[in-house]
Amino acid sequence: MGRRILKRKMEKMKIIRKIRIIILILILGIIVNIGMGVYKENKFRMENKTEITQNIIVEKVEQEIPIIIERVDIPSTYKGFEVSAKLEIPKIKLETYVLENYEENGMKVCVSKFWGPSPNEIGNFCIAGHNYEQERMFNHLIDLEIGDELYLSDNINGKKTYAIYDIYKVKPQNTAPIEQETKGERIVTLITCVNYSRNRLIVQARGIE
């Protein structure tokens, strides 16, 4: 009897040890899972904090970097006509104001805005002018070549540079050169008569700065 009782006690102790080991393993597992969760949460917070900090720094830097605009002083009127911008084409030594409204009397003074947005804005800013052999007219547009530069200035956006990318002739009824879909680019289109007004000479330039 004594041996049986001793054997049973030993078996119970083994079972108790196994239960304790299992409980210990479970507790360790719970502690590890909690620790991993805390680690991941802290890591996530640190990554987000870093990203937010970086964004704040970038935004601050962007805000601190000034947008450089070459300021100009364009008169509001010229010879009684409202002025929209100033056009300069060094290749043909042209320097002229661009009148705001396209009308017969103004066209006798200098070139005028024919169609499009405000100067130096996204879109197709179209300028028309006679090819008269006189100052502030488009008589020498025919001498321009692809790659030549021109400058358009206004009192809001300053002075911008454009490079000529296309030169061609169209019939007077062809309105394709004044279309406004420019895929987000700033375009300047110069228009004048050629071949005794039978055709229009079109010079188009794209903003490069």
C-alpha atoms as a PDB file:
ATOM      1  CA  MET A   1       0.000   0.000   0.000  1.00  0.00           C
ATOM      2  CA  GLY A   2       2.780   2.399   0.881  1.00  0.00           C
ATOM      3  CA  ARG A   3       4.438   1.949  -2.476  1.00  0.00           C
ATOM      4  CA  ARG A   4       1.211   2.606  -4.355  1.00  0.00           C
ATOM      5  CA  ILE A   5       0.551   5.785  -2.406  1.00  0.00           C
ATOM      6  CA  LEU A   6       4.119   6.969  -3.045  1.00  0.00           C
ATOM      7  CA  LYS A   7       3.780   6.170  -6.755  1.00  0.00           C
ATOM      8  CA  ARG A   8       0.525   8.143  -6.991  1.00  0.00           C
ATOM      9  CA  LYS A   9       2.090  11.119  -5.256  1.00  0.00           C
ATOM     10  CA  MET A  10       5.009  11.074  -7.698  1.00  0.00           C
ATOM     11  CA  GLU A  11       2.623  10.920 -10.682  1.00  0.00           C
ATOM     12  CA  LYS A  12       0.648  13.855  -9.280  1.00  0.00           C
ATOM     13  CA  MET A  13       3.838  15.867  -8.829  1.00  0.00           C
ATOM     14  CA  LYS A  14       4.828  15.119 -12.458  1.00  0.00           C
ATOM     15  CA  ILE A  15       1.419  16.281 -13.649  1.00  0.00           C
ATOM     16  CA  ILE A  16       1.690  19.427 -11.522  1.00  0.00           C
ATOM     17  CA  ARG A  17       5.169  20.142 -12.965  1.00  0.00           C
ATOM     18  CA  LYS A  18       3.864  19.711 -16.527  1.00  0.00           C
ATOM     19  CA  ILE A  19       0.942  22.038 -15.779  1.00  0.00           C
ATOM     20  CA  ARG A  20       3.326  24.620 -14.312  1.00  0.00           C
ATOM     21  CA  ILE A  21       5.591  24.360 -17.380  1.00  0.00           C
ATOM     22  CA  ILE A  22       2.601  24.790 -19.713  1.00  0.00           C
ATOM     23  CA  ILE A  23       1.359  27.794 -17.700  1.00  0.00           C
ATOM     24  CA  LEU A  24       4.854  29.287 -17.733  1.00  0.00           C
ATOM     25  CA  ILE A  25       5.100  28.799 -21.519  1.00  0.00           C
ATOM     26  CA  LEU A  26       1.685  30.445 -21.977  1.00  0.00           C
ATOM     27  CA  ILE A  27       2.676  33.383 -19.775  1.00  0.00           C
ATOM     28  CA  LEU A  28       5.951  33.801 -21.691  1.00  0.00           C
ATOM     29  CA  GLY A  29       4.042  33.667 -24.981  1.00  0.00           C
ATOM     30  CA  ILE A  30       1.618  36.349 -23.801  1.00  0.00           C
ATOM     31  CA  ILE A  31       4.510  38.537 -22.610  1.00  0.00           C
ATOM     32  CA  VAL A  32       6.307  38.114 -25.970  1.00  0.00           C
ATOM     33  CA  ASN A  33       3.151  38.970 -27.941  1.00  0.00           C
ATOM     34  CA  ILE A  34       2.519  42.045 -25.807  1.00  0.00           C
ATOM     35  CA  GLY A  35       6.138  43.084 -26.229  1.00  0.00           C
ATOM     36  CA  MET A  36       5.977  42.659 -30.021  1.00  0.00           C
ATOM     37  CA  GLY A  37       2.758  44.661 -30.138  1.00  0.00           C
ATOM     38  CA  VAL A  38       4.275  47.503 -28.153  1.00  0.00           C
ATOM     39  CA  TYR A  39       7.390  47.413 -30.351  1.00  0.00           C
ATOM     40  CA  LYS A  40       5.385  47.540 -33.578  1.00  0.00           C
ATOM     41  CA  GLU A  41       3.187  50.345 -32.261  1.00  0.00           C
ATOM     42  CA  ASN A  42       6.194  52.393 -31.175  1.00  0.00           C
ATOM     43  CA  LYS A  43       7.903  51.740 -34.493  1.00  0.00           C
ATOM     44  CA  PHE A  44       4.771  52.827 -36.391  1.00  0.00           C
ATOM     45  CA  ARG A  45       4.545  55.977 -34.302  1.00  0.00           C
ATOM     46  CA  MET A  46       8.207  56.781 -34.864  1.00  0.00           C
ATOM     47  CA  GLU A  47       7.916  56.231 -38.625  1.00  0.00           C
ATOM     48  CA  ASN A  48       4.829  58.437 -38.825  1.00  0.00           C
ATOM     49  CA  LYS A  49       6.480  61.039 -36.632  1.00  0.00           C
ATOM     50  CA  THR A  50       9.537  60.998 -38.911  1.00  0.00           C
ATOM     51  CA  GLU A  51       7.381  61.286 -42.035  1.00  0.00           C
ATOM     52  CA  ILE A  52       5.324  64.121 -40.548  1.00  0.00           C
ATOM     53  CA  THR A  53       8.502  65.874 -39.436  1.00  0.00           C
ATOM     54  CA  GLN A  54      10.014  65.470 -42.905  1.00  0.00           C
ATOM     55  CA  ASN A  55       6.839  66.844 -44.528  1.00  0.00           C
ATOM     56  CA  ILE A  56       6.857  69.800 -42.149  1.00  0.00           C
ATOM     57  CA  ILE A  57      10.518  70.450 -42.951  1.00  0.00           C
ATOM     58  CA  VAL A  58       9.867  70.196 -46.711  1.00  0.00           C
ATOM     59  CA  GLU A  59       6.864  72.498 -46.474  1.00  0.00           C
ATOM     60  CA  LYS A  60       8.847  74.947 -44.367  1.00  0.00           C
ATOM     61  CA  VAL A  61      11.730  74.903 -46.827  1.00  0.00           C
ATOM     62  CA  GLU A  62       9.344  75.347 -49.754  1.00  0.00           C
ATOM     63  CA  GLN A  63       7.715  78.263 -47.970  1.00  0.00           C
ATOM     64  CA  GLU A  64      11.064  79.839 -47.224  1.00  0.00           C
ATOM     65  CA  ILE A  65      12.302  79.534 -50.830  1.00  0.00           C
ATOM     66  CA  PRO A  66      11.121  82.726 -52.568  1.00  0.00           C
ATOM     67  CA  ILE A  67       9.638  82.584 -56.061  1.00  0.00           C
ATOM     68  CA  ILE A  68      11.921  84.796 -58.056  1.00  0.00           C
ATOM     69  CA  ILE A  69       9.996  87.054 -60.407  1.00  0.00           C
ATOM     70  CA  GLU A  70      11.849  89.564 -62.492  1.00  0.00           C
ATOM     71  CA  ARG A  71       9.797  92.652 -61.825  1.00  0.00           C
ATOM     72  CA  VAL A  72       9.018  95.033 -64.654  1.00  0.00           C
ATOM     73  CA  ASP A  73       7.210  98.340 -64.913  1.00  0.00           C
ATOM     74  CA  ILE A  74       4.773  98.242 -67.805  1.00  0.00           C
ATOM     75  CA  PRO A  75       2.699 101.407 -68.309  1.00  0.00           C
ATOM     76  CA  SER A  76      -1.053 100.960 -68.095  1.00  0.00           C
ATOM     77  CA  THR A  77      -1.613 102.816 -71.368  1.00  0.00           C
ATOM     78  CA  TYR A  78       0.296 103.667 -74.517  1.00  0.00           C
ATOM     79  CA  LYS A  79      -0.862 106.484 -76.809  1.00  0.00           C
ATOM     80  CA  GLY A  80      -4.314 106.284 -75.260  1.00  0.00           C
ATOM     81  CA  PHE A  81      -4.682 102.492 -75.530  1.00  0.00           C
ATOM     82  CA  GLU A  82      -4.701 100.034 -72.627  1.00  0.00           C
ATOM     83  CA  VAL A  83      -1.530  97.922 -72.423  1.00  0.00           C
ATOM     84  CA  SER A  84      -1.516  94.196 -71.667  1.00  0.00           C
ATOM     85  CA  ALA A  85       2.189  93.322 -71.843  1.00  0.00           C
ATOM     86  CA  LYS A  86       5.551  94.099 -73.384  1.00  0.00           C
ATOM     87  CA  LEU A  87       7.114  91.945 -76.117  1.00  0.00           C
ATOM     88  CA  GLU A  88      10.831  91.799 -76.928  1.00  0.00           C
ATOM     89  CA  ILE A  89      12.447  89.785 -79.721  1.00  0.00           C
ATOM     90  CA  PRO A  90      16.218  90.428 -79.742  1.00  0.00           C
ATOM     91  CA  LYS A  91      16.820  88.567 -83.038  1.00  0.00           C
ATOM     92  CA  ILE A  92      14.852  91.175 -85.016  1.00  0.00           C
ATOM     93  CA  LYS A  93      15.459  94.038 -82.557  1.00  0.00           C
ATOM     94  CA  LEU A  94      11.770  94.357 -81.796  1.00  0.00           C
ATOM     95  CA  GLU A  95      10.562  95.975 -78.596  1.00  0.00           C
ATOM     96  CA  THR A  96       6.876  96.783 -78.411  1.00  0.00           C
ATOM     97  CA  TYR A  97       3.936  97.021 -76.073  1.00  0.00           C
ATOM     98  CA  VAL A  98       1.036  94.613 -76.578  1.00  0.00           C
ATOM     99  CA  LEU A  99      -2.292  96.412 -76.446  1.00  0.00           C
ATOM    100  CA  GLU A 100      -5.047  94.800 -74.400  1.00  0.00           C
ATOM    101  CA  ASN A 101      -7.802  95.155 -77.005  1.00  0.00           C
ATOM    102  CA  TYR A 102      -7.713  94.124 -80.638  1.00  0.00           C
ATOM    103  CA  GLU A 103      -9.128  97.014 -82.656  1.00  0.00           C
ATOM    104  CA  GLU A 104      -8.358  98.779 -85.912  1.00  0.00           C
ATOM    105  CA  ASN A 105      -7.066 102.048 -84.457  1.00  0.00           C
ATOM    106  CA  GLY A 106      -4.872 100.291 -81.923  1.00  0.00           C
ATOM    107  CA  MET A 107      -3.351  98.071 -84.602  1.00  0.00           C
ATOM    108  CA  LYS A 108      -2.036 101.199 -86.288  1.00  0.00           C
ATOM    109  CA  VAL A 109      -0.063 102.008 -83.118  1.00  0.00           C
ATOM    110  CA  CYS A 110       1.508  98.637 -82.281  1.00  0.00           C
ATOM    111  CA  VAL A 111       0.715  94.953 -81.932  1.00  0.00           C
ATOM    112  CA  SER A 112      -2.301  93.803 -79.903  1.00  0.00           C
ATOM    113  CA  LYS A 113      -3.554  90.816 -77.957  1.00  0.00           C
ATOM    114  CA  PHE A 114      -5.766  88.859 -80.331  1.00  0.00           C
ATOM    115  CA  TRP A 115      -6.907  85.942 -78.170  1.00  0.00           C
ATOM    116  CA  GLY A 116      -6.076  83.880 -75.096  1.00  0.00           C
ATOM    117  CA  PRO A 117      -5.364  84.171 -71.365  1.00  0.00           C
ATOM    118  CA  SER A 118      -3.613  86.924 -69.474  1.00  0.00           C
ATOM    119  CA  PRO A 119       0.069  87.310 -70.417  1.00  0.00           C
ATOM    120  CA  ASN A 120       2.470  84.683 -69.041  1.00  0.00           C
ATOM    121  CA  GLU A 121      -0.369  82.430 -67.874  1.00  0.00           C
ATOM    122  CA  ILE A 122      -1.006  78.835 -68.970  1.00  0.00           C
ATOM    123  CA  GLY A 123      -2.671  78.847 -72.369  1.00  0.00           C
ATOM    124  CA  ASN A 124      -2.067  80.338 -75.801  1.00  0.00           C
ATOM    125  CA  PHE A 125      -1.436  84.090 -75.638  1.00  0.00           C
ATOM    126  CA  CYS A 126      -1.999  85.227 -79.232  1.00  0.00           C
ATOM    127  CA  ILE A 127      -0.586  88.531 -80.505  1.00  0.00           C
ATOM    128  CA  ALA A 128      -1.499  90.016 -83.869  1.00  0.00           C
ATOM    129  CA  GLY A 129       0.307  92.804 -85.668  1.00  0.00           C
ATOM    130  CA  HIS A 130       0.628  94.381 -89.101  1.00  0.00           C
ATOM    131  CA  ASN A 131       3.778  93.737 -91.124  1.00  0.00           C
ATOM    132  CA  TYR A 132       4.235  97.444 -91.771  1.00  0.00           C
ATOM    133  CA  GLU A 133       7.821  98.599 -92.201  1.00  0.00           C
ATOM    134  CA  GLN A 134       7.801 100.657 -89.042  1.00  0.00           C
ATOM    135  CA  GLU A 135       8.659 100.463 -85.363  1.00  0.00           C
ATOM    136  CA  ARG A 136       6.615  98.174 -83.052  1.00  0.00           C
ATOM    137  CA  MET A 137       5.214  96.127 -85.937  1.00  0.00           C
ATOM    138  CA  PHE A 138       5.712  92.534 -87.132  1.00  0.00           C
ATOM    139  CA  ASN A 139       7.465  93.339 -90.412  1.00  0.00           C
ATOM    140  CA  HIS A 140      10.510  91.184 -89.572  1.00  0.00           C
ATOM    141  CA  LEU A 141       8.816  88.070 -88.205  1.00  0.00           C
ATOM    142  CA  ILE A 142       9.787  86.352 -91.434  1.00  0.00           C
ATOM    143  CA  ASP A 143      13.446  86.524 -90.319  1.00  0.00           C
ATOM    144  CA  LEU A 144      12.874  84.438 -87.190  1.00  0.00           C
ATOM    145  CA  GLU A 145      14.003  80.819 -86.872  1.00  0.00           C
ATOM    146  CA  ILE A 146      13.154  77.899 -84.629  1.00  0.00           C
ATOM    147  CA  GLY A 147      15.147  78.197 -81.415  1.00  0.00           C
ATOM    148  CA  ASP A 148      15.144  82.004 -81.344  1.00  0.00           C
ATOM    149  CA  GLU A 149      14.002  83.470 -78.043  1.00  0.00           C
ATOM    150  CA  LEU A 150      11.492  86.150 -77.181  1.00  0.00           C
ATOM    151  CA  TYR A 151      10.485  87.790 -73.909  1.00  0.00           C
ATOM    152  CA  LEU A 152       7.016  88.626 -72.663  1.00  0.00           C
ATOM    153  CA  SER A 153       6.654  90.880 -69.633  1.00  0.00           C
ATOM    154  CA  ASP A 154       3.710  91.958 -67.506  1.00  0.00           C
ATOM    155  CA  ASN A 155       3.262  93.587 -64.120  1.00  0.00           C
ATOM    156  CA  ILE A 156       1.913  90.444 -62.415  1.00  0.00           C
ATOM    157  CA  ASN A 157       4.127  87.564 -63.581  1.00  0.00           C
ATOM    158  CA  GLY A 158       7.199  89.583 -64.482  1.00  0.00           C
ATOM    159  CA  LYS A 159       9.420  88.793 -67.443  1.00  0.00           C
ATOM    160  CA  LYS A 160       9.276  85.311 -68.978  1.00  0.00           C
ATOM    161  CA  THR A 161      11.399  83.697 -71.677  1.00  0.00           C
ATOM    162  CA  TYR A 162       9.995  81.744 -74.623  1.00  0.00           C
ATOM    163  CA  ALA A 163      11.707  79.711 -77.352  1.00  0.00           C
ATOM    164  CA  ILE A 164      10.277  79.466 -80.862  1.00  0.00           C
ATOM    165  CA  TYR A 165       9.330  75.899 -81.783  1.00  0.00           C
ATOM    166  CA  ASP A 166       7.187  76.310 -84.916  1.00  0.00           C
ATOM    167  CA  ILE A 167       6.877  78.698 -87.892  1.00  0.00           C
ATOM    168  CA  TYR A 168       4.304  78.189 -90.655  1.00  0.00           C
ATOM    169  CA  LYS A 169       1.671  79.837 -92.861  1.00  0.00           C
ATOM    170  CA  VAL A 170      -2.101  79.372 -92.882  1.00  0.00           C
ATOM    171  CA  LYS A 171      -5.134  80.768 -94.647  1.00  0.00           C
ATOM    172  CA  PRO A 172      -6.912  83.652 -92.855  1.00  0.00           C
ATOM    173  CA  GLN A 173      -9.897  81.435 -91.983  1.00  0.00           C
ATOM    174  CA  ASN A 174      -7.729  78.818 -90.248  1.00  0.00           C
ATOM    175  CA  THR A 175      -8.237  79.169 -86.476  1.00  0.00           C
ATOM    176  CA  ALA A 176      -6.043  76.243 -85.386  1.00  0.00           C
ATOM    177  CA  PRO A 177      -3.101  78.510 -84.341  1.00  0.00           C
ATOM    178  CA  ILE A 178      -5.204  80.242 -81.674  1.00  0.00           C
ATOM    179  CA  GLU A 179      -6.563  77.091 -80.003  1.00  0.00           C
ATOM    180  CA  GLN A 180      -6.179  77.153 -76.224  1.00  0.00           C
ATOM    181  CA  GLU A 181      -5.400  73.504 -75.434  1.00  0.00           C
ATOM    182  CA  THR A 182      -1.690  73.669 -74.558  1.00  0.00           C
ATOM    183  CA  LYS A 183      -1.351  70.683 -72.157  1.00  0.00           C
ATOM    184  CA  GLY A 184      -0.516  72.976 -69.283  1.00  0.00           C
ATOM    185  CA  GLU A 185       2.150  74.955 -71.139  1.00  0.00           C
ATOM    186  CA  ARG A 186       2.588  78.682 -71.678  1.00  0.00           C
ATOM    187  CA  ILE A 187       2.496  79.427 -75.407  1.00  0.00           C
ATOM    188  CA  VAL A 188       2.907  82.709 -77.268  1.00  0.00           C
ATOM    189  CA  THR A 189       1.592  82.868 -80.840  1.00  0.00           C
ATOM    190  CA  LEU A 190       2.586  85.753 -83.129  1.00  0.00           C
ATOM    191  CA  ILE A 191       0.380  86.445 -86.137  1.00  0.00           C
ATOM    192  CA  THR A 192       0.886  88.731 -89.136  1.00  0.00           C
ATOM    193  CA  CYS A 193      -0.162  88.957 -92.779  1.00  0.00           C
ATOM    194  CA  VAL A 194       2.016  87.783 -95.687  1.00  0.00           C
ATOM    195  CA  ASN A 195       1.564  87.358 -99.442  1.00  0.00           C
ATOM    196  CA  TYR A 196      -0.562  90.528 -99.687  1.00  0.00           C
ATOM    197  CA  SER A 197      -2.864  89.297 -96.876  1.00  0.00           C
ATOM    198  CA  ARG A 198      -3.597  86.014 -98.651  1.00  0.00           C
ATOM    199  CA  ASN A 199      -1.897  84.103 -95.824  1.00  0.00           C
ATOM    200  CA  ARG A 200      -1.073  84.490 -92.164  1.00  0.00           C
ATOM    201  CA  LEU A 201       2.463  83.889 -90.873  1.00  0.00           C
ATOM    202  CA  ILE A 202       2.365  82.050 -87.545  1.00  0.00           C
ATOM    203  CA  VAL A 203       5.274  82.007 -85.114  1.00  0.00           C
ATOM    204  CA  GLN A 204       4.775  79.956 -81.944  1.00  0.00           C
ATOM    205  CA  ALA A 205       7.022  79.931 -78.878  1.00  0.00           C
ATOM    206  CA  ARG A 206       6.958  77.818 -75.730  1.00  0.00           C
ATOM    207  CA  GLY A 207       7.733  79.099 -72.228  1.00  0.00           C
ATOM    208  CA  ILE A 208      11.095  77.848 -70.990  1.00  0.00           C
ATOM    209  CA  GLU A 209      11.296  79.687 -67.634  1.00  0.00           C
END
